[in-house]
Amino acid sequence: MSSDPDAQTADLSFEDALKRLEAIVAQLETGEIPLDQAITLYAEGDRLRARCDERLAAAQARIDKISLGSDGQPRGLQPFDAG
């Protein structure tokens, strides 16, 4: 892995980033870590959250909705609309 924190975050899968983010939250919630370390962990967590958001947005953009005709057979695909 690269020593650049942003590069390290970019290399993680969604699942790995989420696991690391959950571990960071658990550490921060204990309140038992020094302030400097808490700040470093918070910054890492913020990068991981952004990475997860990017991954989710990319996945959502790839989802298609199958539309069915009146006979119940697939008629075509429509882009996913979360709204």
C-alpha atoms as a PDB file:
ATOM      1  CA  MET A   1       0.000   0.000   0.000  1.00  0.00           C
ATOM      2  CA  SER A   2       1.074   3.575  -0.604  1.00  0.00           C
ATOM      3  CA  SER A   3       2.099   5.840   2.268  1.00  0.00           C
ATOM      4  CA  ASP A   4      -0.341   8.490   0.946  1.00  0.00           C
ATOM      5  CA  PRO A   5      -3.533   8.258   3.072  1.00  0.00           C
ATOM      6  CA  ASP A   6      -5.766   9.272   0.145  1.00  0.00           C
ATOM      7  CA  ALA A   7      -4.230   6.558  -2.056  1.00  0.00           C
ATOM      8  CA  GLN A   8      -4.707   3.994   0.718  1.00  0.00           C
ATOM      9  CA  THR A   9      -8.376   4.931   0.997  1.00  0.00           C
ATOM     10  CA  ALA A  10      -8.874   4.824  -2.778  1.00  0.00           C
ATOM     11  CA  ASP A  11      -7.517   1.259  -2.899  1.00  0.00           C
ATOM     12  CA  LEU A  12     -10.110  -0.104  -0.457  1.00  0.00           C
ATOM     13  CA  SER A  13     -13.264  -1.911  -1.507  1.00  0.00           C
ATOM     14  CA  PHE A  14     -16.551  -0.571  -0.173  1.00  0.00           C
ATOM     15  CA  GLU A  15     -16.752  -3.391   2.355  1.00  0.00           C
ATOM     16  CA  ASP A  16     -13.189  -2.872   3.604  1.00  0.00           C
ATOM     17  CA  ALA A  17     -13.664   0.895   3.848  1.00  0.00           C
ATOM     18  CA  LEU A  18     -16.887   0.424   5.802  1.00  0.00           C
ATOM     19  CA  LYS A  19     -15.257  -2.056   8.203  1.00  0.00           C
ATOM     20  CA  ARG A  20     -12.365   0.340   8.825  1.00  0.00           C
ATOM     21  CA  LEU A  21     -14.793   3.234   9.325  1.00  0.00           C
ATOM     22  CA  GLU A  22     -16.765   1.188  11.876  1.00  0.00           C
ATOM     23  CA  ALA A  23     -13.519   0.369  13.723  1.00  0.00           C
ATOM     24  CA  ILE A  24     -12.582   4.057  13.820  1.00  0.00           C
ATOM     25  CA  VAL A  25     -15.994   5.030  15.177  1.00  0.00           C
ATOM     26  CA  ALA A  26     -15.706   2.388  17.889  1.00  0.00           C
ATOM     27  CA  GLN A  27     -12.269   3.711  18.886  1.00  0.00           C
ATOM     28  CA  LEU A  28     -13.461   7.311  18.965  1.00  0.00           C
ATOM     29  CA  GLU A  29     -16.539   6.408  20.999  1.00  0.00           C
ATOM     30  CA  THR A  30     -14.406   4.980  23.805  1.00  0.00           C
ATOM     31  CA  GLY A  31     -12.999   8.433  24.513  1.00  0.00           C
ATOM     32  CA  GLU A  32      -9.820   6.755  25.696  1.00  0.00           C
ATOM     33  CA  ILE A  33      -7.439   7.761  22.904  1.00  0.00           C
ATOM     34  CA  PRO A  34      -5.187  10.834  22.964  1.00  0.00           C
ATOM     35  CA  LEU A  35      -6.446  13.951  21.204  1.00  0.00           C
ATOM     36  CA  ASP A  36      -3.786  13.861  18.460  1.00  0.00           C
ATOM     37  CA  GLN A  37      -4.668  10.278  17.599  1.00  0.00           C
ATOM     38  CA  ALA A  38      -8.394  11.099  17.689  1.00  0.00           C
ATOM     39  CA  ILE A  39      -7.862  13.917  15.189  1.00  0.00           C
ATOM     40  CA  THR A  40      -5.886  11.609  12.888  1.00  0.00           C
ATOM     41  CA  LEU A  41      -8.570   8.925  13.137  1.00  0.00           C
ATOM     42  CA  TYR A  42     -11.321  11.462  12.487  1.00  0.00           C
ATOM     43  CA  ALA A  43      -9.556  12.632   9.308  1.00  0.00           C
ATOM     44  CA  GLU A  44      -9.154   9.022   8.148  1.00  0.00           C
ATOM     45  CA  GLY A  45     -12.810   8.377   8.905  1.00  0.00           C
ATOM     46  CA  ASP A  46     -13.829  11.396   6.865  1.00  0.00           C
ATOM     47  CA  ARG A  47     -11.827  10.098   3.881  1.00  0.00           C
ATOM     48  CA  LEU A  48     -13.383   6.658   4.280  1.00  0.00           C
ATOM     49  CA  ARG A  49     -16.906   8.111   4.466  1.00  0.00           C
ATOM     50  CA  ALA A  50     -16.283  10.039   1.255  1.00  0.00           C
ATOM     51  CA  ARG A  51     -14.947   6.873  -0.408  1.00  0.00           C
ATOM     52  CA  CYS A  52     -18.036   4.915   0.628  1.00  0.00           C
ATOM     53  CA  ASP A  53     -20.279   7.691  -0.712  1.00  0.00           C
ATOM     54  CA  GLU A  54     -18.422   7.584  -4.048  1.00  0.00           C
ATOM     55  CA  ARG A  55     -18.743   3.800  -4.267  1.00  0.00           C
ATOM     56  CA  LEU A  56     -22.467   3.911  -3.495  1.00  0.00           C
ATOM     57  CA  ALA A  57     -23.084   6.632  -6.076  1.00  0.00           C
ATOM     58  CA  ALA A  58     -21.191   4.619  -8.703  1.00  0.00           C
ATOM     59  CA  ALA A  59     -23.189   1.487  -7.880  1.00  0.00           C
ATOM     60  CA  GLN A  60     -26.473   3.376  -8.013  1.00  0.00           C
ATOM     61  CA  ALA A  61     -25.589   4.786 -11.428  1.00  0.00           C
ATOM     62  CA  ARG A  62     -25.172   1.231 -12.759  1.00  0.00           C
ATOM     63  CA  ILE A  63     -28.527  -0.061 -11.543  1.00  0.00           C
ATOM     64  CA  ASP A  64     -31.204  -0.435 -14.187  1.00  0.00           C
ATOM     65  CA  LYS A  65     -34.876  -0.999 -13.608  1.00  0.00           C
ATOM     66  CA  ILE A  66     -36.506  -3.714 -15.711  1.00  0.00           C
ATOM     67  CA  SER A  67     -39.825  -2.567 -17.097  1.00  0.00           C
ATOM     68  CA  LEU A  68     -42.512  -5.150 -17.794  1.00  0.00           C
ATOM     69  CA  GLY A  69     -45.121  -5.108 -20.531  1.00  0.00           C
ATOM     70  CA  SER A  70     -48.835  -5.764 -19.969  1.00  0.00           C
ATOM     71  CA  ASP A  71     -48.158  -9.468 -20.568  1.00  0.00           C
ATOM     72  CA  GLY A  72     -45.678  -9.497 -17.664  1.00  0.00           C
ATOM     73  CA  GLN A  73     -42.697 -10.078 -19.920  1.00  0.00           C
ATOM     74  CA  PRO A  74     -39.602  -7.847 -19.764  1.00  0.00           C
ATOM     75  CA  ARG A  75     -40.024  -4.902 -22.117  1.00  0.00           C
ATOM     76  CA  GLY A  76     -36.767  -3.039 -21.598  1.00  0.00           C
ATOM     77  CA  LEU A  77     -34.484  -1.300 -19.165  1.00  0.00           C
ATOM     78  CA  GLN A  78     -34.856   2.123 -17.647  1.00  0.00           C
ATOM     79  CA  PRO A  79     -32.212   4.001 -15.669  1.00  0.00           C
ATOM     80  CA  PHE A  80     -32.576   3.746 -11.908  1.00  0.00           C
ATOM     81  CA  ASP A  81     -34.370   6.716 -10.372  1.00  0.00           C
ATOM     82  CA  ALA A  82     -34.084   6.930  -6.598  1.00  0.00           C
ATOM     83  CA  GLY A  83     -36.224  10.031  -6.457  1.00  0.00           C
END
